[in-house]
Amino acid sequence: MINVFVYGSLLFAEIAEGLCQQKLHAENAVLFGFARHAIKGADYPAIIRSENSKVNGKVLLNLDEKAMEILTFYEDNDYELVPVKVELNSGSIDAVVYVWTGGNEFLEPFDWDAEQFRKESLEFYRDEVVPSTLREFYG
């Protein structure tokens, strides 16, 4: 079982649970040594290594291999899975996180806005992106 730190669209249970096709247990978490950025022209974010920075997010706890395969498929080729330690209220735990590899020239100099995503994109992701991702994954 794997713990996954999430910081973008997967913060929303409708998306993470829709993709994994199961109820997930998530806890608020902080990842140190990384910074989150909006991506130019995209409604999802990226994180990159950044000393003295931190990212607030959630950790999805105890995901099975199938859930990890689906999330990795969803994240696509612009991200790599990296092992990290994340901080919970109860202490630190091992997890993995999807780190941006698409190039810094695509990143905005500001943070991604989860509330803007909720207002402008969540419904589309829940109703269109999740089902189409699952159709493509299961082919």
N, C-alpha and C. Protein backbone atom coordinates (compact mmCIF):
# COMPACT_ATOMS: atom_id res chain seq x y z
N MET A 1 0.83 -1.18 0.00
CA MET A 1 0.00 0.00 0.00
C MET A 1 0.88 1.25 0.00
N ILE A 2 0.44 2.25 -0.74
CA ILE A 2 1.25 3.45 -0.95
C ILE A 2 0.46 4.69 -0.52
N ASN A 3 1.17 5.65 0.09
CA ASN A 3 0.60 6.94 0.44
C ASN A 3 1.00 7.93 -0.65
N VAL A 4 0.05 8.74 -1.12
CA VAL A 4 0.32 9.68 -2.20
C VAL A 4 -0.02 11.09 -1.74
N PHE A 5 0.96 11.99 -1.79
CA PHE A 5 0.70 13.39 -1.49
C PHE A 5 0.11 14.03 -2.75
N VAL A 6 -1.04 14.69 -2.58
CA VAL A 6 -1.70 15.35 -3.71
C VAL A 6 -1.83 16.84 -3.40
N TYR A 7 -1.81 17.66 -4.47
CA TYR A 7 -1.74 19.11 -4.28
C TYR A 7 -2.53 19.88 -5.33
N GLY A 8 -3.25 19.18 -6.21
CA GLY A 8 -3.98 19.84 -7.29
C GLY A 8 -5.37 19.28 -7.41
N SER A 9 -5.74 18.87 -8.61
CA SER A 9 -7.09 18.36 -8.85
C SER A 9 -7.43 17.16 -7.97
N LEU A 10 -6.42 16.38 -7.58
CA LEU A 10 -6.66 15.20 -6.75
C LEU A 10 -6.96 15.55 -5.29
N LEU A 11 -6.87 16.84 -4.93
CA LEU A 11 -7.32 17.28 -3.61
C LEU A 11 -8.82 17.08 -3.44
N PHE A 12 -9.53 17.04 -4.55
CA PHE A 12 -10.98 16.96 -4.53
C PHE A 12 -11.40 15.49 -4.57
N ALA A 13 -12.14 15.07 -3.54
CA ALA A 13 -12.54 13.67 -3.42
C ALA A 13 -13.30 13.19 -4.65
N GLU A 14 -14.09 14.07 -5.26
CA GLU A 14 -14.86 13.68 -6.44
C GLU A 14 -13.94 13.18 -7.56
N ILE A 15 -12.75 13.75 -7.64
CA ILE A 15 -11.81 13.36 -8.70
C ILE A 15 -10.99 12.14 -8.26
N ALA A 16 -10.35 12.23 -7.09
CA ALA A 16 -9.49 11.13 -6.63
C ALA A 16 -10.29 9.84 -6.46
N GLU A 17 -11.45 9.92 -5.81
CA GLU A 17 -12.26 8.72 -5.59
C GLU A 17 -12.91 8.24 -6.88
N GLY A 18 -13.25 9.18 -7.75
CA GLY A 18 -13.81 8.79 -9.05
C GLY A 18 -12.80 8.01 -9.87
N LEU A 19 -11.56 8.48 -9.90
CA LEU A 19 -10.52 7.78 -10.64
C LEU A 19 -10.20 6.43 -10.02
N CYS A 20 -10.04 6.40 -8.71
CA CYS A 20 -9.66 5.16 -8.02
C CYS A 20 -10.83 4.21 -7.83
N GLN A 21 -12.04 4.71 -8.05
CA GLN A 21 -13.27 3.92 -7.96
C GLN A 21 -13.43 3.28 -6.58
N GLN A 22 -13.10 4.07 -5.56
CA GLN A 22 -13.23 3.60 -4.19
C GLN A 22 -13.20 4.80 -3.24
N LYS A 23 -13.74 4.60 -2.05
CA LYS A 23 -13.66 5.61 -0.99
C LYS A 23 -12.22 5.64 -0.51
N LEU A 24 -11.65 6.83 -0.42
CA LEU A 24 -10.26 6.98 0.00
C LEU A 24 -10.19 7.67 1.36
N HIS A 25 -9.15 7.35 2.10
CA HIS A 25 -8.89 8.05 3.36
C HIS A 25 -7.79 9.07 3.09
N ALA A 26 -8.10 10.35 3.36
CA ALA A 26 -7.14 11.43 3.12
C ALA A 26 -6.97 12.24 4.39
N GLU A 27 -5.76 12.74 4.58
CA GLU A 27 -5.47 13.63 5.70
C GLU A 27 -4.72 14.85 5.18
N ASN A 28 -4.94 15.99 5.81
CA ASN A 28 -4.19 17.19 5.46
C ASN A 28 -2.72 16.93 5.72
N ALA A 29 -1.88 17.45 4.84
CA ALA A 29 -0.44 17.20 4.94
C ALA A 29 0.33 18.39 4.37
N VAL A 30 1.60 18.46 4.73
CA VAL A 30 2.50 19.50 4.22
C VAL A 30 3.74 18.81 3.67
N LEU A 31 4.17 19.27 2.50
CA LEU A 31 5.38 18.77 1.86
C LEU A 31 6.40 19.91 1.83
N PHE A 32 7.52 19.72 2.50
CA PHE A 32 8.56 20.74 2.54
C PHE A 32 9.58 20.50 1.42
N GLY A 33 10.19 21.60 0.95
CA GLY A 33 11.23 21.50 -0.07
C GLY A 33 10.70 21.53 -1.49
N PHE A 34 9.43 21.86 -1.65
CA PHE A 34 8.81 21.96 -2.97
C PHE A 34 7.94 23.21 -3.01
N ALA A 35 7.69 23.72 -4.21
CA ALA A 35 6.78 24.84 -4.41
C ALA A 35 5.77 24.46 -5.49
N ARG A 36 4.53 24.90 -5.30
CA ARG A 36 3.48 24.64 -6.28
C ARG A 36 3.33 25.87 -7.17
N HIS A 37 3.13 25.62 -8.46
CA HIS A 37 2.94 26.69 -9.43
C HIS A 37 1.74 26.38 -10.31
N ALA A 38 1.06 27.44 -10.74
CA ALA A 38 0.11 27.29 -11.82
C ALA A 38 0.90 27.01 -13.10
N ILE A 39 0.28 26.30 -14.02
CA ILE A 39 0.90 26.02 -15.32
C ILE A 39 0.24 26.91 -16.35
N LYS A 40 1.03 27.50 -17.21
CA LYS A 40 0.51 28.40 -18.24
C LYS A 40 -0.53 27.68 -19.09
N GLY A 41 -1.72 28.26 -19.18
CA GLY A 41 -2.77 27.71 -20.03
C GLY A 41 -3.43 26.45 -19.52
N ALA A 42 -3.17 26.05 -18.28
CA ALA A 42 -3.74 24.82 -17.74
C ALA A 42 -4.54 25.14 -16.48
N ASP A 43 -5.45 24.24 -16.13
CA ASP A 43 -6.22 24.44 -14.91
C ASP A 43 -5.75 23.54 -13.77
N TYR A 44 -4.61 22.89 -13.93
CA TYR A 44 -4.01 22.04 -12.91
C TYR A 44 -2.60 22.55 -12.61
N PRO A 45 -2.05 22.21 -11.44
CA PRO A 45 -0.75 22.75 -11.05
C PRO A 45 0.41 21.79 -11.27
N ALA A 46 1.58 22.28 -10.91
CA ALA A 46 2.81 21.50 -10.90
C ALA A 46 3.54 21.82 -9.60
N ILE A 47 4.35 20.88 -9.13
CA ILE A 47 5.30 21.20 -8.07
C ILE A 47 6.70 20.91 -8.58
N ILE A 48 7.62 21.73 -8.09
CA ILE A 48 9.04 21.54 -8.38
C ILE A 48 9.81 21.69 -7.07
N ARG A 49 11.00 21.14 -7.06
CA ARG A 49 11.84 21.28 -5.86
C ARG A 49 12.16 22.76 -5.65
N SER A 50 12.08 23.18 -4.41
CA SER A 50 12.36 24.56 -4.07
C SER A 50 12.70 24.64 -2.59
N GLU A 51 13.97 24.88 -2.32
CA GLU A 51 14.42 24.95 -0.93
C GLU A 51 13.66 26.05 -0.20
N ASN A 52 13.40 25.86 1.06
CA ASN A 52 12.71 26.84 1.91
C ASN A 52 11.28 27.11 1.47
N SER A 53 10.67 26.19 0.73
CA SER A 53 9.28 26.32 0.33
C SER A 53 8.50 25.13 0.89
N LYS A 54 7.18 25.26 0.86
CA LYS A 54 6.34 24.15 1.29
C LYS A 54 5.05 24.19 0.48
N VAL A 55 4.42 23.02 0.39
CA VAL A 55 3.15 22.88 -0.30
C VAL A 55 2.15 22.26 0.66
N ASN A 56 1.02 22.91 0.83
CA ASN A 56 -0.07 22.34 1.61
C ASN A 56 -0.91 21.48 0.69
N GLY A 57 -1.28 20.32 1.16
CA GLY A 57 -2.09 19.41 0.35
C GLY A 57 -2.72 18.36 1.23
N LYS A 58 -2.91 17.20 0.66
CA LYS A 58 -3.45 16.06 1.39
C LYS A 58 -2.62 14.84 1.03
N VAL A 59 -2.67 13.86 1.89
CA VAL A 59 -2.07 12.57 1.57
C VAL A 59 -3.20 11.55 1.49
N LEU A 60 -3.25 10.86 0.37
CA LEU A 60 -4.18 9.75 0.18
C LEU A 60 -3.49 8.52 0.73
N LEU A 61 -4.11 7.90 1.72
CA LEU A 61 -3.45 6.84 2.47
C LEU A 61 -3.78 5.45 1.95
N ASN A 62 -2.75 4.61 1.89
CA ASN A 62 -2.88 3.18 1.63
C ASN A 62 -3.56 2.85 0.30
N LEU A 63 -3.05 3.44 -0.77
CA LEU A 63 -3.59 3.13 -2.09
C LEU A 63 -3.01 1.80 -2.59
N ASP A 64 -3.84 1.04 -3.28
CA ASP A 64 -3.38 -0.23 -3.83
C ASP A 64 -2.75 -0.01 -5.21
N GLU A 65 -2.22 -1.09 -5.77
CA GLU A 65 -1.49 -1.01 -7.03
C GLU A 65 -2.37 -0.51 -8.18
N LYS A 66 -3.62 -0.95 -8.24
CA LYS A 66 -4.53 -0.53 -9.32
C LYS A 66 -4.80 0.97 -9.22
N ALA A 67 -5.04 1.48 -8.02
CA ALA A 67 -5.26 2.92 -7.83
C ALA A 67 -4.03 3.70 -8.28
N MET A 68 -2.84 3.22 -7.95
CA MET A 68 -1.61 3.90 -8.36
C MET A 68 -1.45 3.89 -9.88
N GLU A 69 -1.80 2.78 -10.53
CA GLU A 69 -1.72 2.71 -11.99
C GLU A 69 -2.65 3.75 -12.62
N ILE A 70 -3.85 3.86 -12.11
CA ILE A 70 -4.83 4.81 -12.66
C ILE A 70 -4.35 6.25 -12.43
N LEU A 71 -3.87 6.57 -11.22
CA LEU A 71 -3.40 7.93 -10.95
C LEU A 71 -2.20 8.28 -11.81
N THR A 72 -1.29 7.34 -12.00
CA THR A 72 -0.12 7.59 -12.84
C THR A 72 -0.55 7.81 -14.29
N PHE A 73 -1.51 7.06 -14.76
CA PHE A 73 -2.06 7.26 -16.11
C PHE A 73 -2.68 8.66 -16.21
N TYR A 74 -3.45 9.05 -15.20
CA TYR A 74 -4.10 10.35 -15.16
C TYR A 74 -3.08 11.48 -15.17
N GLU A 75 -2.00 11.33 -14.44
CA GLU A 75 -0.98 12.38 -14.33
C GLU A 75 -0.17 12.54 -15.62
N ASP A 76 -0.09 11.50 -16.43
CA ASP A 76 0.54 11.58 -17.75
C ASP A 76 2.06 11.67 -17.66
N ASN A 77 2.69 12.03 -18.78
CA ASN A 77 4.15 11.96 -18.90
C ASN A 77 4.90 13.19 -18.42
N ASP A 78 4.19 14.26 -18.01
CA ASP A 78 4.88 15.47 -17.56
C ASP A 78 5.19 15.44 -16.07
N TYR A 79 4.95 14.30 -15.44
CA TYR A 79 5.20 14.16 -14.00
C TYR A 79 5.94 12.85 -13.75
N GLU A 80 6.80 12.87 -12.73
CA GLU A 80 7.44 11.64 -12.29
C GLU A 80 7.12 11.41 -10.82
N LEU A 81 7.01 10.15 -10.46
CA LEU A 81 6.69 9.77 -9.09
C LEU A 81 7.97 9.79 -8.26
N VAL A 82 7.97 10.58 -7.18
CA VAL A 82 9.16 10.77 -6.35
C VAL A 82 8.82 10.42 -4.90
N PRO A 83 9.68 9.64 -4.22
CA PRO A 83 9.45 9.36 -2.80
C PRO A 83 9.76 10.60 -1.96
N VAL A 84 8.91 10.86 -0.97
CA VAL A 84 9.07 12.02 -0.09
C VAL A 84 8.61 11.66 1.32
N LYS A 85 8.91 12.55 2.25
CA LYS A 85 8.34 12.51 3.60
C LYS A 85 7.35 13.67 3.68
N VAL A 86 6.16 13.41 4.19
CA VAL A 86 5.19 14.47 4.37
C VAL A 86 4.83 14.57 5.84
N GLU A 87 4.44 15.77 6.22
CA GLU A 87 4.11 16.05 7.62
C GLU A 87 2.60 16.04 7.81
N LEU A 88 2.15 15.23 8.75
CA LEU A 88 0.76 15.21 9.18
C LEU A 88 0.72 15.81 10.58
N ASN A 89 -0.46 16.05 11.10
CA ASN A 89 -0.58 16.50 12.49
C ASN A 89 0.06 15.51 13.45
N SER A 90 0.02 14.22 13.09
CA SER A 90 0.52 13.16 13.97
C SER A 90 2.00 12.85 13.75
N GLY A 91 2.66 13.54 12.84
CA GLY A 91 4.08 13.28 12.57
C GLY A 91 4.32 13.08 11.09
N SER A 92 5.52 12.63 10.74
CA SER A 92 5.84 12.47 9.31
C SER A 92 5.66 11.03 8.87
N ILE A 93 5.29 10.88 7.59
CA ILE A 93 5.14 9.55 6.99
C ILE A 93 5.78 9.54 5.61
N ASP A 94 6.09 8.35 5.14
CA ASP A 94 6.60 8.18 3.78
C ASP A 94 5.44 8.25 2.80
N ALA A 95 5.70 8.87 1.67
CA ALA A 95 4.70 8.97 0.61
C ALA A 95 5.43 9.11 -0.72
N VAL A 96 4.65 9.20 -1.77
CA VAL A 96 5.18 9.55 -3.09
C VAL A 96 4.40 10.77 -3.57
N VAL A 97 4.98 11.50 -4.51
CA VAL A 97 4.33 12.68 -5.07
C VAL A 97 4.67 12.78 -6.55
N TYR A 98 3.74 13.32 -7.32
CA TYR A 98 3.97 13.54 -8.75
C TYR A 98 4.62 14.91 -8.92
N VAL A 99 5.90 14.90 -9.36
CA VAL A 99 6.70 16.12 -9.53
C VAL A 99 6.78 16.46 -11.01
N TRP A 100 6.61 17.72 -11.31
CA TRP A 100 6.60 18.24 -12.68
C TRP A 100 7.94 18.03 -13.36
N THR A 101 7.92 17.51 -14.58
CA THR A 101 9.13 17.34 -15.39
C THR A 101 9.00 18.06 -16.73
N GLY A 102 7.90 18.78 -16.91
CA GLY A 102 7.59 19.39 -18.21
C GLY A 102 8.37 20.63 -18.56
N GLY A 103 9.20 21.12 -17.67
CA GLY A 103 10.01 22.30 -17.98
C GLY A 103 9.49 23.54 -17.27
N ASN A 104 10.40 24.29 -16.66
CA ASN A 104 10.02 25.47 -15.88
C ASN A 104 9.46 26.60 -16.73
N GLU A 105 9.74 26.59 -18.03
CA GLU A 105 9.22 27.65 -18.89
C GLU A 105 7.70 27.61 -19.01
N PHE A 106 7.08 26.50 -18.62
CA PHE A 106 5.63 26.37 -18.67
C PHE A 106 4.95 26.80 -17.36
N LEU A 107 5.76 27.14 -16.36
CA LEU A 107 5.21 27.46 -15.04
C LEU A 107 4.99 28.95 -14.88
N GLU A 108 3.88 29.29 -14.24
CA GLU A 108 3.61 30.68 -13.87
C GLU A 108 4.41 31.01 -12.61
N PRO A 109 4.69 32.30 -12.37
CA PRO A 109 5.44 32.68 -11.18
C PRO A 109 4.55 32.80 -9.94
N PHE A 110 3.39 32.15 -9.96
CA PHE A 110 2.47 32.22 -8.83
C PHE A 110 1.84 30.86 -8.59
N ASP A 111 1.25 30.72 -7.40
CA ASP A 111 0.65 29.47 -6.96
C ASP A 111 -0.66 29.20 -7.69
N TRP A 112 -0.98 27.93 -7.82
CA TRP A 112 -2.26 27.46 -8.35
C TRP A 112 -3.35 27.76 -7.32
N ASP A 113 -4.55 28.07 -7.79
CA ASP A 113 -5.65 28.46 -6.91
C ASP A 113 -6.71 27.37 -6.87
N ALA A 114 -6.77 26.64 -5.75
CA ALA A 114 -7.71 25.54 -5.61
C ALA A 114 -9.16 26.02 -5.64
N GLU A 115 -9.42 27.18 -5.08
CA GLU A 115 -10.80 27.69 -5.08
C GLU A 115 -11.25 28.06 -6.49
N GLN A 116 -10.36 28.61 -7.27
CA GLN A 116 -10.68 28.91 -8.67
C GLN A 116 -10.96 27.62 -9.43
N PHE A 117 -10.16 26.58 -9.17
CA PHE A 117 -10.39 25.29 -9.80
C PHE A 117 -11.77 24.76 -9.41
N ARG A 118 -12.12 24.86 -8.13
CA ARG A 118 -13.43 24.38 -7.66
C ARG A 118 -14.56 25.07 -8.43
N LYS A 119 -14.43 26.37 -8.59
CA LYS A 119 -15.48 27.16 -9.25
C LYS A 119 -15.54 26.92 -10.75
N GLU A 120 -14.37 26.84 -11.39
CA GLU A 120 -14.32 26.87 -12.85
C GLU A 120 -14.14 25.51 -13.52
N SER A 121 -13.56 24.52 -12.82
CA SER A 121 -13.16 23.28 -13.50
C SER A 121 -13.62 21.99 -12.84
N LEU A 122 -13.99 22.03 -11.56
CA LEU A 122 -14.29 20.80 -10.84
C LEU A 122 -15.42 20.00 -11.50
N GLU A 123 -16.48 20.67 -11.86
CA GLU A 123 -17.61 19.97 -12.47
C GLU A 123 -17.20 19.28 -13.77
N PHE A 124 -16.42 19.99 -14.60
CA PHE A 124 -15.95 19.42 -15.86
C PHE A 124 -15.07 18.19 -15.60
N TYR A 125 -14.16 18.29 -14.65
CA TYR A 125 -13.30 17.15 -14.33
C TYR A 125 -14.12 15.97 -13.84
N ARG A 126 -15.05 16.23 -12.92
CA ARG A 126 -15.88 15.16 -12.35
C ARG A 126 -16.73 14.49 -13.43
N ASP A 127 -17.36 15.30 -14.29
CA ASP A 127 -18.32 14.77 -15.26
C ASP A 127 -17.71 14.33 -16.59
N GLU A 128 -16.56 14.88 -16.96
CA GLU A 128 -15.97 14.59 -18.27
C GLU A 128 -14.59 13.94 -18.18
N VAL A 129 -13.67 14.56 -17.43
CA VAL A 129 -12.28 14.09 -17.42
C VAL A 129 -12.15 12.73 -16.73
N VAL A 130 -12.79 12.57 -15.56
CA VAL A 130 -12.69 11.29 -14.85
C VAL A 130 -13.26 10.15 -15.70
N PRO A 131 -14.49 10.26 -16.21
CA PRO A 131 -15.02 9.15 -17.02
C PRO A 131 -14.19 8.87 -18.28
N SER A 132 -13.72 9.92 -18.96
CA SER A 132 -12.94 9.68 -20.17
C SER A 132 -11.57 9.07 -19.84
N THR A 133 -10.98 9.45 -18.71
CA THR A 133 -9.72 8.85 -18.28
C THR A 133 -9.90 7.36 -18.00
N LEU A 134 -10.98 7.02 -17.31
CA LEU A 134 -11.24 5.61 -17.00
C LEU A 134 -11.52 4.81 -18.27
N ARG A 135 -12.26 5.37 -19.21
CA ARG A 135 -12.52 4.68 -20.48
C ARG A 135 -11.22 4.41 -21.21
N GLU A 136 -10.35 5.43 -21.25
CA GLU A 136 -9.06 5.28 -21.94
C GLU A 136 -8.16 4.29 -21.21
N PHE A 137 -8.14 4.36 -19.89
CA PHE A 137 -7.29 3.46 -19.09
C PHE A 137 -7.70 2.00 -19.29
N TYR A 138 -8.99 1.72 -19.24
CA TYR A 138 -9.45 0.35 -19.35
C TYR A 138 -9.60 -0.10 -20.81
N GLY A 139 -9.51 0.87 -21.72
CA GLY A 139 -9.49 0.64 -23.16
C GLY A 139 -10.53 -0.30 -23.66
